[in-house]
PDB file of N, CA and C in Angstrom:
ATOM      1  N   MET A   1       6.495 -30.240  22.628  1.00  0.00           N
ATOM      2  CA  MET A   1       6.243 -31.142  21.533  1.00  0.00           C
ATOM      3  C   MET A   1       6.671 -32.532  21.881  1.00  0.00           C
ATOM      4  N   LYS A   2       7.879 -32.658  22.329  1.00  0.00           N
ATOM      5  CA  LYS A   2       8.426 -33.951  22.627  1.00  0.00           C
ATOM      6  C   LYS A   2       7.573 -34.639  23.739  1.00  0.00           C
ATOM      7  N   ASP A   3       7.186 -33.857  24.755  1.00  0.00           N
ATOM      8  CA  ASP A   3       6.439 -34.422  25.877  1.00  0.00           C
ATOM      9  C   ASP A   3       4.926 -34.308  25.660  1.00  0.00           C
ATOM     10  N   GLY A   4       4.499 -33.859  24.463  1.00  0.00           N
ATOM     11  CA  GLY A   4       3.094 -33.687  24.186  1.00  0.00           C
ATOM     12  C   GLY A   4       2.439 -32.444  24.740  1.00  0.00           C
ATOM     13  N   LEU A   5       3.311 -31.544  25.210  1.00  0.00           N
ATOM     14  CA  LEU A   5       2.773 -30.293  25.778  1.00  0.00           C
ATOM     15  C   LEU A   5       2.469 -29.225  24.702  1.00  0.00           C
ATOM     16  N   LEU A   6       3.074 -29.342  23.569  1.00  0.00           N
ATOM     17  CA  LEU A   6       2.890 -28.376  22.531  1.00  0.00           C
ATOM     18  C   LEU A   6       2.603 -29.032  21.212  1.00  0.00           C
ATOM     19  N   ASP A   7       1.589 -28.543  20.528  1.00  0.00           N
ATOM     20  CA  ASP A   7       1.227 -29.114  19.252  1.00  0.00           C
ATOM     21  C   ASP A   7       2.291 -28.818  18.161  1.00  0.00           C
ATOM     22  N   SER A   8       2.602 -29.750  17.282  1.00  0.00           N
ATOM     23  CA  SER A   8       3.628 -29.521  16.269  1.00  0.00           C
ATOM     24  C   SER A   8       3.256 -28.400  15.269  1.00  0.00           C
ATOM     25  N   VAL A   9       1.950 -28.067  15.176  1.00  0.00           N
ATOM     26  CA  VAL A   9       1.507 -27.052  14.320  1.00  0.00           C
ATOM     27  C   VAL A   9       2.105 -25.684  14.644  1.00  0.00           C
ATOM     28  N   VAL A  10       2.464 -25.495  15.899  1.00  0.00           N
ATOM     29  CA  VAL A  10       3.047 -24.237  16.319  1.00  0.00           C
ATOM     30  C   VAL A  10       4.325 -23.887  15.560  1.00  0.00           C
ATOM     31  N   LEU A  11       5.038 -24.901  15.150  1.00  0.00           N
ATOM     32  CA  LEU A  11       6.309 -24.669  14.429  1.00  0.00           C
ATOM     33  C   LEU A  11       6.178 -24.557  12.948  1.00  0.00           C
ATOM     34  N   ASP A  12       4.945 -24.695  12.431  1.00  0.00           N
ATOM     35  CA  ASP A  12       4.714 -24.491  10.991  1.00  0.00           C
ATOM     36  C   ASP A  12       4.947 -23.068  10.567  1.00  0.00           C
ATOM     37  N   ARG A  13       5.228 -22.858   9.278  1.00  0.00           N
ATOM     38  CA  ARG A  13       5.438 -21.506   8.810  1.00  0.00           C
ATOM     39  C   ARG A  13       4.178 -20.706   8.853  1.00  0.00           C
ATOM     40  N   ALA A  14       4.336 -19.445   9.138  1.00  0.00           N
ATOM     41  CA  ALA A  14       3.210 -18.522   9.153  1.00  0.00           C
ATOM     42  C   ALA A  14       2.828 -18.189   7.714  1.00  0.00           C
ATOM     43  N   PRO A  15       1.561 -17.925   7.461  1.00  0.00           N
ATOM     44  CA  PRO A  15       1.186 -17.592   6.074  1.00  0.00           C
ATOM     45  C   PRO A  15       1.746 -16.170   5.742  1.00  0.00           C
ATOM     46  N   PRO A  16       1.989 -15.951   4.426  1.00  0.00           N
ATOM     47  CA  PRO A  16       2.557 -14.660   4.048  1.00  0.00           C
ATOM     48  C   PRO A  16       1.606 -13.509   4.419  1.00  0.00           C
ATOM     49  N   ALA A  17       2.202 -12.359   4.746  1.00  0.00           N
ATOM     50  CA  ALA A  17       1.406 -11.228   5.180  1.00  0.00           C
ATOM     51  C   ALA A  17       0.654 -10.686   3.962  1.00  0.00           C
ATOM     52  N   GLN A  18      -0.565 -10.194   4.185  1.00  0.00           N
ATOM     53  CA  GLN A  18      -1.400  -9.569   3.161  1.00  0.00           C
ATOM     54  C   GLN A  18      -0.819  -8.226   2.853  1.00  0.00           C
ATOM     55  N   LYS A  19      -0.877  -7.801   1.562  1.00  0.00           N
ATOM     56  CA  LYS A  19      -0.442  -6.467   1.215  1.00  0.00           C
ATOM     57  C   LYS A  19      -1.536  -5.471   1.575  1.00  0.00           C
ATOM     58  N   ASP A  20      -1.109  -4.368   2.137  1.00  0.00           N
ATOM     59  CA  ASP A  20      -2.025  -3.336   2.551  1.00  0.00           C
ATOM     60  C   ASP A  20      -2.153  -2.300   1.430  1.00  0.00           C
ATOM     61  N   ASP A  21      -3.350  -2.236   0.864  1.00  0.00           N
ATOM     62  CA  ASP A  21      -3.623  -1.295  -0.225  1.00  0.00           C
ATOM     63  C   ASP A  21      -4.227   0.037   0.225  1.00  0.00           C
ATOM     64  N   ARG A  22      -4.141   0.236   1.501  1.00  0.00           N
ATOM     65  CA  ARG A  22      -4.736   1.532   2.058  1.00  0.00           C
ATOM     66  C   ARG A  22      -4.054   2.744   1.514  1.00  0.00           C
ATOM     67  N   LEU A  23      -2.750   2.787   1.438  1.00  0.00           N
ATOM     68  CA  LEU A  23      -2.068   3.935   0.933  1.00  0.00           C
ATOM     69  C   LEU A  23      -2.356   4.167  -0.558  1.00  0.00           C
ATOM     70  N   LEU A  24      -2.497   3.030  -1.278  1.00  0.00           N
ATOM     71  CA  LEU A  24      -2.863   3.160  -2.724  1.00  0.00           C
ATOM     72  C   LEU A  24      -4.242   3.789  -2.856  1.00  0.00           C
ATOM     73  N   ALA A  25      -5.144   3.389  -1.970  1.00  0.00           N
ATOM     74  CA  ALA A  25      -6.504   3.971  -2.030  1.00  0.00           C
ATOM     75  C   ALA A  25      -6.476   5.485  -1.676  1.00  0.00           C
ATOM     76  N   ILE A  26      -5.724   5.846  -0.699  1.00  0.00           N
ATOM     77  CA  ILE A  26      -5.627   7.236  -0.305  1.00  0.00           C
ATOM     78  C   ILE A  26      -5.049   8.038  -1.478  1.00  0.00           C
ATOM     79  N   ILE A  27      -3.965   7.609  -2.072  1.00  0.00           N
ATOM     80  CA  ILE A  27      -3.341   8.305  -3.212  1.00  0.00           C
ATOM     81  C   ILE A  27      -4.291   8.391  -4.373  1.00  0.00           C
ATOM     82  N   ALA A  28      -4.992   7.240  -4.648  1.00  0.00           N
ATOM     83  CA  ALA A  28      -5.943   7.258  -5.741  1.00  0.00           C
ATOM     84  C   ALA A  28      -7.068   8.328  -5.491  1.00  0.00           C
ATOM     85  N   GLY A  29      -7.484   8.393  -4.226  1.00  0.00           N
ATOM     86  CA  GLY A  29      -8.550   9.301  -3.870  1.00  0.00           C
ATOM     87  C   GLY A  29      -8.074  10.747  -4.011  1.00  0.00           C
ATOM     88  N   ILE A  30      -6.855  11.067  -3.639  1.00  0.00           N
ATOM     89  CA  ILE A  30      -6.282  12.411  -3.794  1.00  0.00           C
ATOM     90  C   ILE A  30      -6.203  12.735  -5.263  1.00  0.00           C
ATOM     91  N   LYS A  31      -5.725  11.777  -6.048  1.00  0.00           N
ATOM     92  CA  LYS A  31      -5.554  12.040  -7.499  1.00  0.00           C
ATOM     93  C   LYS A  31      -6.917  12.191  -8.183  1.00  0.00           C
ATOM     94  N   SER A  32      -7.910  11.431  -7.768  1.00  0.00           N
ATOM     95  CA  SER A  32      -9.217  11.559  -8.430  1.00  0.00           C
ATOM     96  C   SER A  32      -9.941  12.848  -8.106  1.00  0.00           C
ATOM     97  N   SER A  33      -9.654  13.343  -6.889  1.00  0.00           N
ATOM     98  CA  SER A  33     -10.318  14.605  -6.484  1.00  0.00           C
ATOM     99  C   SER A  33      -9.667  15.817  -7.074  1.00  0.00           C
ATOM    100  N   ALA A  34      -8.407  15.645  -7.479  1.00  0.00           N
ATOM    101  CA  ALA A  34      -7.674  16.763  -8.129  1.00  0.00           C
ATOM    102  C   ALA A  34      -6.743  16.177  -9.218  1.00  0.00           C
ATOM    103  N   PRO A  35      -7.300  15.871 -10.420  1.00  0.00           N
ATOM    104  CA  PRO A  35      -6.528  15.196 -11.451  1.00  0.00           C
ATOM    105  C   PRO A  35      -5.234  15.942 -11.856  1.00  0.00           C
ATOM    106  N   GLU A  36      -5.183  17.214 -11.725  1.00  0.00           N
ATOM    107  CA  GLU A  36      -3.995  17.965 -12.118  1.00  0.00           C
ATOM    108  C   GLU A  36      -2.883  18.042 -11.053  1.00  0.00           C
ATOM    109  N   ILE A  37      -3.144  17.451  -9.914  1.00  0.00           N
ATOM    110  CA  ILE A  37      -2.195  17.468  -8.783  1.00  0.00           C
ATOM    111  C   ILE A  37      -0.867  16.851  -9.147  1.00  0.00           C
ATOM    112  N   THR A  38       0.235  17.434  -8.661  1.00  0.00           N
ATOM    113  CA  THR A  38       1.591  16.900  -8.907  1.00  0.00           C
ATOM    114  C   THR A  38       1.978  15.897  -7.816  1.00  0.00           C
ATOM    115  N   LEU A  39       3.014  15.143  -8.126  1.00  0.00           N
ATOM    116  CA  LEU A  39       3.524  14.198  -7.103  1.00  0.00           C
ATOM    117  C   LEU A  39       3.952  14.892  -5.832  1.00  0.00           C
ATOM    118  N   LYS A  40       4.574  16.040  -5.989  1.00  0.00           N
ATOM    119  CA  LYS A  40       5.037  16.863  -4.859  1.00  0.00           C
ATOM    120  C   LYS A  40       3.841  17.252  -3.989  1.00  0.00           C
ATOM    121  N   GLU A  41       2.771  17.641  -4.620  1.00  0.00           N
ATOM    122  CA  GLU A  41       1.625  18.093  -3.875  1.00  0.00           C
ATOM    123  C   GLU A  41       0.923  16.907  -3.234  1.00  0.00           C
ATOM    124  N   ILE A  42       0.936  15.746  -3.872  1.00  0.00           N
ATOM    125  CA  ILE A  42       0.385  14.520  -3.214  1.00  0.00           C
ATOM    126  C   ILE A  42       1.193  14.179  -1.986  1.00  0.00           C
ATOM    127  N   ALA A  43       2.538  14.281  -2.122  1.00  0.00           N
ATOM    128  CA  ALA A  43       3.406  14.009  -0.955  1.00  0.00           C
ATOM    129  C   ALA A  43       3.130  14.994   0.183  1.00  0.00           C
ATOM    130  N   ALA A  44       2.948  16.248  -0.145  1.00  0.00           N
ATOM    131  CA  ALA A  44       2.628  17.270   0.870  1.00  0.00           C
ATOM    132  C   ALA A  44       1.308  17.010   1.585  1.00  0.00           C
ATOM    133  N   ARG A  45       0.330  16.581   0.771  1.00  0.00           N
ATOM    134  CA  ARG A  45      -0.979  16.253   1.309  1.00  0.00           C
ATOM    135  C   ARG A  45      -0.925  14.991   2.248  1.00  0.00           C
ATOM    136  N   LEU A  46      -0.149  13.984   1.884  1.00  0.00           N
ATOM    137  CA  LEU A  46       0.040  12.812   2.757  1.00  0.00           C
ATOM    138  C   LEU A  46       0.717  13.220   4.037  1.00  0.00           C
ATOM    139  N   GLU A  47       1.682  14.098   4.010  1.00  0.00           N
ATOM    140  CA  GLU A  47       2.344  14.567   5.206  1.00  0.00           C
ATOM    141  C   GLU A  47       1.374  15.404   6.064  1.00  0.00           C
ATOM    142  N   ALA A  48       0.518  16.167   5.455  1.00  0.00           N
ATOM    143  CA  ALA A  48      -0.495  16.985   6.179  1.00  0.00           C
ATOM    144  C   ALA A  48      -1.519  16.045   6.883  1.00  0.00           C
ATOM    145  N   MET A  49      -1.772  14.921   6.256  1.00  0.00           N
ATOM    146  CA  MET A  49      -2.667  13.933   6.822  1.00  0.00           C
ATOM    147  C   MET A  49      -1.997  13.056   7.854  1.00  0.00           C
ATOM    148  N   ARG A  50      -0.683  13.312   8.050  1.00  0.00           N
ATOM    149  CA  ARG A  50       0.158  12.532   9.017  1.00  0.00           C
ATOM    150  C   ARG A  50       0.127  11.053   8.690  1.00  0.00           C
ATOM    151  N   GLU A  51       0.147  10.779   7.363  1.00  0.00           N
ATOM    152  CA  GLU A  51       0.147   9.390   6.856  1.00  0.00           C
ATOM    153  C   GLU A  51       1.607   8.996   6.639  1.00  0.00           C
ATOM    154  N   PRO A  52       2.127   8.023   7.452  1.00  0.00           N
ATOM    155  CA  PRO A  52       3.551   7.622   7.282  1.00  0.00           C
ATOM    156  C   PRO A  52       3.792   6.834   6.025  1.00  0.00           C
ATOM    157  N   MET A  53       5.025   6.895   5.599  1.00  0.00           N
ATOM    158  CA  MET A  53       5.428   6.070   4.440  1.00  0.00           C
ATOM    159  C   MET A  53       5.393   4.577   4.892  1.00  0.00           C
ATOM    160  N   PRO A  54       5.464   3.651   3.923  1.00  0.00           N
ATOM    161  CA  PRO A  54       5.498   2.265   4.338  1.00  0.00           C
ATOM    162  C   PRO A  54       6.640   1.896   5.188  1.00  0.00           C
ATOM    163  N   GLN A  55       7.765   2.638   5.099  1.00  0.00           N
ATOM    164  CA  GLN A  55       8.969   2.421   5.929  1.00  0.00           C
ATOM    165  C   GLN A  55       8.809   3.052   7.314  1.00  0.00           C
ATOM    166  N   GLY A  56       7.728   3.867   7.506  1.00  0.00           N
ATOM    167  CA  GLY A  56       7.508   4.460   8.806  1.00  0.00           C
ATOM    168  C   GLY A  56       7.905   5.911   8.914  1.00  0.00           C
ATOM    169  N   ARG A  57       8.576   6.466   7.907  1.00  0.00           N
ATOM    170  CA  ARG A  57       9.032   7.854   7.967  1.00  0.00           C
ATOM    171  C   ARG A  57       7.852   8.765   7.747  1.00  0.00           C
ATOM    172  N   ALA A  58       7.944   9.952   8.316  1.00  0.00           N
ATOM    173  CA  ALA A  58       6.855  10.946   8.189  1.00  0.00           C
ATOM    174  C   ALA A  58       6.967  11.786   6.914  1.00  0.00           C
ATOM    175  N   LYS A  59       8.215  12.010   6.443  1.00  0.00           N
ATOM    176  CA  LYS A  59       8.459  12.822   5.267  1.00  0.00           C
ATOM    177  C   LYS A  59       8.342  11.967   4.010  1.00  0.00           C
ATOM    178  N   TRP A  60       7.477  12.419   3.095  1.00  0.00           N
ATOM    179  CA  TRP A  60       7.237  11.687   1.846  1.00  0.00           C
ATOM    180  C   TRP A  60       8.180  12.278   0.740  1.00  0.00           C
ATOM    181  N   ALA A  61       8.690  11.384  -0.041  1.00  0.00           N
ATOM    182  CA  ALA A  61       9.480  11.776  -1.213  1.00  0.00           C
ATOM    183  C   ALA A  61       8.611  11.617  -2.433  1.00  0.00           C
ATOM    184  N   THR A  62       8.741  12.482  -3.448  1.00  0.00           N
ATOM    185  CA  THR A  62       7.929  12.370  -4.644  1.00  0.00           C
ATOM    186  C   THR A  62       8.198  11.044  -5.323  1.00  0.00           C
ATOM    187  N   SER A  63       9.415  10.521  -5.225  1.00  0.00           N
ATOM    188  CA  SER A  63       9.727   9.233  -5.881  1.00  0.00           C
ATOM    189  C   SER A  63       8.951   8.106  -5.194  1.00  0.00           C
ATOM    190  N   SER A  64       8.703   8.195  -3.924  1.00  0.00           N
ATOM    191  CA  SER A  64       7.897   7.204  -3.226  1.00  0.00           C
ATOM    192  C   SER A  64       6.436   7.207  -3.672  1.00  0.00           C
ATOM    193  N   VAL A  65       5.861   8.410  -3.867  1.00  0.00           N
ATOM    194  CA  VAL A  65       4.505   8.512  -4.361  1.00  0.00           C
ATOM    195  C   VAL A  65       4.493   7.928  -5.787  1.00  0.00           C
ATOM    196  N   ALA A  66       5.440   8.292  -6.631  1.00  0.00           N
ATOM    197  CA  ALA A  66       5.456   7.798  -8.018  1.00  0.00           C
ATOM    198  C   ALA A  66       5.553   6.262  -8.014  1.00  0.00           C
ATOM    199  N   TYR A  67       6.402   5.717  -7.117  1.00  0.00           N
ATOM    200  CA  TYR A  67       6.560   4.237  -7.044  1.00  0.00           C
ATOM    201  C   TYR A  67       5.273   3.577  -6.640  1.00  0.00           C
ATOM    202  N   LEU A  68       4.558   4.129  -5.690  1.00  0.00           N
ATOM    203  CA  LEU A  68       3.288   3.536  -5.307  1.00  0.00           C
ATOM    204  C   LEU A  68       2.232   3.638  -6.416  1.00  0.00           C
ATOM    205  N   ARG A  69       2.201   4.803  -7.087  1.00  0.00           N
ATOM    206  CA  ARG A  69       1.248   4.931  -8.164  1.00  0.00           C
ATOM    207  C   ARG A  69       1.537   4.010  -9.309  1.00  0.00           C
ATOM    208  N   ALA A  70       2.859   3.820  -9.619  1.00  0.00           N
ATOM    209  CA  ALA A  70       3.223   2.868 -10.657  1.00  0.00           C
ATOM    210  C   ALA A  70       2.882   1.445 -10.340  1.00  0.00           C
ATOM    211  N   GLY A  71       3.035   1.106  -9.063  1.00  0.00           N
ATOM    212  CA  GLY A  71       2.683  -0.267  -8.642  1.00  0.00           C
ATOM    213  C   GLY A  71       1.181  -0.488  -8.755  1.00  0.00           C
ATOM    214  N   ALA A  72       0.387   0.555  -8.382  1.00  0.00           N
ATOM    215  CA  ALA A  72      -1.057   0.436  -8.498  1.00  0.00           C
ATOM    216  C   ALA A  72      -1.481   0.332  -9.923  1.00  0.00           C
ATOM    217  N   ALA A  73      -0.822   1.056 -10.794  1.00  0.00           N
ATOM    218  CA  ALA A  73      -1.191   1.044 -12.217  1.00  0.00           C
ATOM    219  C   ALA A  73      -0.838  -0.329 -12.837  1.00  0.00           C
ATOM    220  N   GLY A  74       0.305  -0.869 -12.379  1.00  0.00           N
ATOM    221  CA  GLY A  74       0.678  -2.206 -12.841  1.00  0.00           C
ATOM    222  C   GLY A  74      -0.279  -3.289 -12.370  1.00  0.00           C
ATOM    223  N   ARG A  75      -0.776  -3.179 -11.163  1.00  0.00           N
ATOM    224  CA  ARG A  75      -1.733  -4.226 -10.671  1.00  0.00           C
ATOM    225  C   ARG A  75      -3.067  -4.087 -11.403  1.00  0.00           C
ATOM    226  N   ASN A  76      -3.474  -2.851 -11.691  1.00  0.00           N
ATOM    227  CA  ASN A  76      -4.758  -2.708 -12.346  1.00  0.00           C
ATOM    228  C   ASN A  76      -4.715  -2.979 -13.877  1.00  0.00           C
ATOM    229  N   ALA A  77      -3.510  -2.972 -14.425  1.00  0.00           N
ATOM    230  CA  ALA A  77      -3.371  -3.179 -15.882  1.00  0.00           C
ATOM    231  C   ALA A  77      -3.833  -4.606 -16.294  1.00  0.00           C
ATOM    232  N   GLY A  78      -3.582  -5.529 -15.454  1.00  0.00           N
ATOM    233  CA  GLY A  78      -3.997  -6.928 -15.789  1.00  0.00           C
ATOM    234  C   GLY A  78      -5.469  -7.216 -15.524  1.00  0.00           C
ATOM    235  N   ARG A  79      -6.169  -6.355 -14.884  1.00  0.00           N
ATOM    236  CA  ARG A  79      -7.583  -6.605 -14.560  1.00  0.00           C
ATOM    237  C   ARG A  79      -8.459  -6.263 -15.773  1.00  0.00           C
ATOM    238  N   ARG A  80      -9.409  -7.100 -15.970  1.00  0.00           N
ATOM    239  CA  ARG A  80     -10.415  -6.851 -17.096  1.00  0.00           C
ATOM    240  C   ARG A  80     -11.709  -6.407 -16.430  1.00  0.00           C
ATOM    241  N   HIS A  81     -12.281  -5.415 -16.996  1.00  0.00           N
ATOM    242  CA  HIS A  81     -13.598  -4.931 -16.499  1.00  0.00           C
ATOM    243  C   HIS A  81     -14.696  -5.690 -17.190  1.00  0.00           C
ATOM    244  N   ARG A  82     -15.612  -6.125 -16.381  1.00  0.00           N
ATOM    245  CA  ARG A  82     -16.750  -6.881 -16.905  1.00  0.00           C
ATOM    246  C   ARG A  82     -17.930  -5.911 -17.254  1.00  0.00           C
ATOM    247  N   ARG A  83     -18.493  -6.106 -18.389  1.00  0.00           N
ATOM    248  CA  ARG A  83     -19.617  -5.339 -18.758  1.00  0.00           C
ATOM    249  C   ARG A  83     -20.911  -6.025 -18.398  1.00  0.00           C
ATOM    250  N   SER A  84     -21.845  -5.236 -17.861  1.00  0.00           N
ATOM    251  CA  SER A  84     -23.090  -5.869 -17.443  1.00  0.00           C
ATOM    252  C   SER A  84     -24.168  -5.678 -18.542  1.00  0.00           C
TER     253      SER A  84
END
């Protein structure tokens, strides 16, 4: 930078990371295909799919599934559906 070898933009802050909704989509798909499924069964199915938790662990806890589902419900609660 000082000698003109590096652009000052290099030191700017990186933009915030995008949230990955892939797990939410997988859980929603599991729930829609079997509406009576329990959180424990969803966790077992995610483990069978070898889908890691957001923290990287292979073993899913029912509370983690519940947390993700609650977050998805909260995000969708503010959305309004347009009628055509």
